[in-house]
Structure formats: C-alpha cells, structure tokens
Amino acid sequence: MDADYAEVVAGTEAWVAESDGDVIGYLVLVRQGDGMLLDNVAVLPSHQGRGAGRALLTLAEEQARSGGYERISLYTNQAMPENQQLYERIGYVETHRADQHGFARIFYEKALAR
C-alpha cells in the first residue's frame, strides 16, 4: 500500500479500534456527492473474528446516515473472496467490476435505511 496515512487522516474521516490500549484496526471514510465511500477498513489478523471489523463497518454506516447519506459504497480486491462474502452477507450489492490502480476490484453499494 502506497497511501500516505498522515495525509489520508487529515483529509478524511478516520477512526481506530483499540483493545487494551493497542490499535487493532482502522476505518477511513470519504464523503462524496450523494453517498459516502468506505475507503478502507482493516483489522489486525490477530484480532479478526472478534467483532472489531463488524463494529467498524457498523460505525461507517452510522456515520453515513448521520451525514444524511442514503447509501454507502466500498470496493475490494477480486482476490479476496472472504471480503466479498462478508460484504454481501451484510447487505452490500455488487455494482460493477473494474481494474483500478493496477488492482482488479469489485465495487459494492448498500442502501441505508433511515
């Protein structure tokens, strides 16, 4: 990953998940015209399966709703079927596939209930 996270945090909405004072995950959201983009979400492998990722995804949806958005979108790498399964299981719908920045990506969107 080539992202400059100091710049990302300064220009977007970012949160961290903690456990016993240690950062175990993070979430980056980007406000876009008519929706919010869940730009990045990650949890340390040692803490996966304990609910931190689901809590971050729930936070993303809450932030989108509170910002007045009716939808949230995200993308994932086609090589990550576990992500695809999770997003589809929690209500995200595939909108399209495209190569972007050298990655084969799947784009998803979820309508948010008010």
Protein backbone atom coordinates (compact mmCIF):
# COMPACT_ATOMS: atom_id res chain seq x y z
CA MET A 1 0.00 0.00 0.00
CA ASP A 2 1.34 3.37 -1.03
CA ALA A 3 -1.04 5.62 0.88
CA ASP A 4 0.33 8.49 2.94
CA TYR A 5 -1.83 7.92 6.02
CA ALA A 6 -0.96 11.25 7.63
CA GLU A 7 -2.49 12.87 4.54
CA VAL A 8 -5.41 10.43 4.50
CA VAL A 9 -6.30 11.17 8.12
CA ALA A 10 -6.03 14.92 7.57
CA GLY A 11 -8.34 14.89 4.54
CA THR A 12 -10.96 12.30 5.50
CA GLU A 13 -12.80 10.84 8.45
CA ALA A 14 -10.76 8.17 10.19
CA TRP A 15 -11.29 6.04 13.29
CA VAL A 16 -9.28 3.38 15.07
CA ALA A 17 -10.38 0.33 17.00
CA GLU A 18 -8.49 -0.36 20.20
CA SER A 19 -8.07 -3.30 22.51
CA ASP A 20 -6.30 -2.84 25.84
CA GLY A 21 -4.87 0.47 24.57
CA ASP A 22 -3.44 -1.01 21.37
CA VAL A 23 -4.69 -0.06 17.90
CA ILE A 24 -6.09 -3.20 16.30
CA GLY A 25 -7.97 -1.76 13.34
CA TYR A 26 -9.00 1.34 11.47
CA LEU A 27 -11.68 2.82 9.26
CA VAL A 28 -11.39 5.57 6.64
CA LEU A 29 -14.49 7.27 5.19
CA VAL A 30 -14.69 9.77 2.34
CA ARG A 31 -17.71 11.97 1.81
CA GLN A 32 -18.76 12.06 -1.83
CA GLY A 33 -21.53 13.94 -3.59
CA ASP A 34 -24.52 11.71 -2.94
CA GLY A 35 -23.01 8.98 -0.80
CA MET A 36 -20.17 8.01 1.46
CA LEU A 37 -17.24 5.85 0.39
CA LEU A 38 -15.88 3.36 2.88
CA ASP A 39 -12.35 3.85 1.58
CA ASN A 40 -10.54 1.45 3.87
CA VAL A 41 -11.24 -0.86 6.78
CA ALA A 42 -8.79 -3.29 8.33
CA VAL A 43 -8.25 -5.31 11.49
CA LEU A 44 -5.03 -6.95 12.58
CA PRO A 45 -5.07 -10.66 11.74
CA SER A 46 -4.53 -11.49 15.41
CA HIS A 47 -7.83 -9.74 16.26
CA GLN A 48 -10.00 -10.86 13.38
CA GLY A 49 -13.13 -12.82 14.18
CA ARG A 50 -13.72 -10.95 17.46
CA GLY A 51 -16.17 -8.31 16.24
CA ALA A 52 -13.86 -5.32 15.67
CA GLY A 53 -14.34 -5.34 11.91
CA ARG A 54 -18.10 -5.64 12.21
CA ALA A 55 -18.09 -2.74 14.71
CA LEU A 56 -16.09 -0.60 12.28
CA LEU A 57 -18.50 -1.44 9.43
CA THR A 58 -21.46 -0.55 11.65
CA LEU A 59 -19.76 2.74 12.56
CA ALA A 60 -19.28 3.51 8.87
CA GLU A 61 -22.99 3.04 8.20
CA GLU A 62 -23.95 5.13 11.25
CA GLN A 63 -21.66 7.95 10.12
CA ALA A 64 -23.12 7.86 6.61
CA ARG A 65 -26.67 8.00 7.98
CA SER A 66 -25.85 10.84 10.37
CA GLY A 67 -24.32 12.74 7.45
CA GLY A 68 -27.63 12.50 5.63
CA TYR A 69 -26.47 9.93 3.09
CA GLU A 70 -28.81 7.25 1.82
CA ARG A 71 -26.08 4.94 0.57
CA ILE A 72 -22.57 3.82 1.33
CA SER A 73 -20.16 2.29 -1.15
CA LEU A 74 -16.91 0.37 -0.99
CA TYR A 75 -14.63 -1.75 -3.11
CA THR A 76 -12.50 -4.80 -2.53
CA ASN A 77 -9.90 -6.76 -4.42
CA GLN A 78 -11.27 -9.62 -6.53
CA ALA A 79 -8.58 -11.84 -4.97
CA MET A 80 -10.24 -11.53 -1.54
CA PRO A 81 -13.32 -13.78 -1.60
CA GLU A 82 -13.73 -13.65 2.19
CA ASN A 83 -14.30 -9.87 1.96
CA GLN A 84 -16.78 -10.33 -0.87
CA GLN A 85 -18.75 -12.88 1.13
CA LEU A 86 -18.83 -10.65 4.21
CA TYR A 87 -20.00 -7.56 2.33
CA GLU A 88 -22.72 -9.49 0.52
CA ARG A 89 -23.83 -11.15 3.76
CA ILE A 90 -24.36 -7.76 5.44
CA GLY A 91 -26.33 -6.24 2.59
CA TYR A 92 -23.88 -4.78 0.10
CA VAL A 93 -24.74 -5.32 -3.57
CA GLU A 94 -22.14 -5.58 -6.31
CA THR A 95 -22.45 -2.67 -8.74
CA HIS A 96 -19.55 -3.36 -11.10
CA ARG A 97 -16.01 -4.63 -11.55
CA ALA A 98 -13.06 -2.68 -12.89
CA ASP A 99 -9.29 -2.51 -12.92
CA GLN A 100 -8.17 0.46 -10.85
CA HIS A 101 -4.61 1.45 -9.93
CA GLY A 102 -3.39 -1.95 -11.06
CA PHE A 103 -5.94 -3.90 -8.98
CA ALA A 104 -8.93 -5.95 -10.13
CA ARG A 105 -11.67 -4.54 -7.91
CA ILE A 106 -15.29 -5.29 -7.14
CA PHE A 107 -17.43 -2.29 -6.25
CA TYR A 108 -20.34 -2.55 -3.83
CA GLU A 109 -23.11 -0.30 -2.58
CA LYS A 110 -25.58 -0.53 0.29
CA ALA A 111 -28.79 1.43 0.66
CA LEU A 112 -29.13 2.79 4.18
CA ALA A 113 -32.47 2.74 5.99
CA ARG A 114 -33.35 5.99 7.70
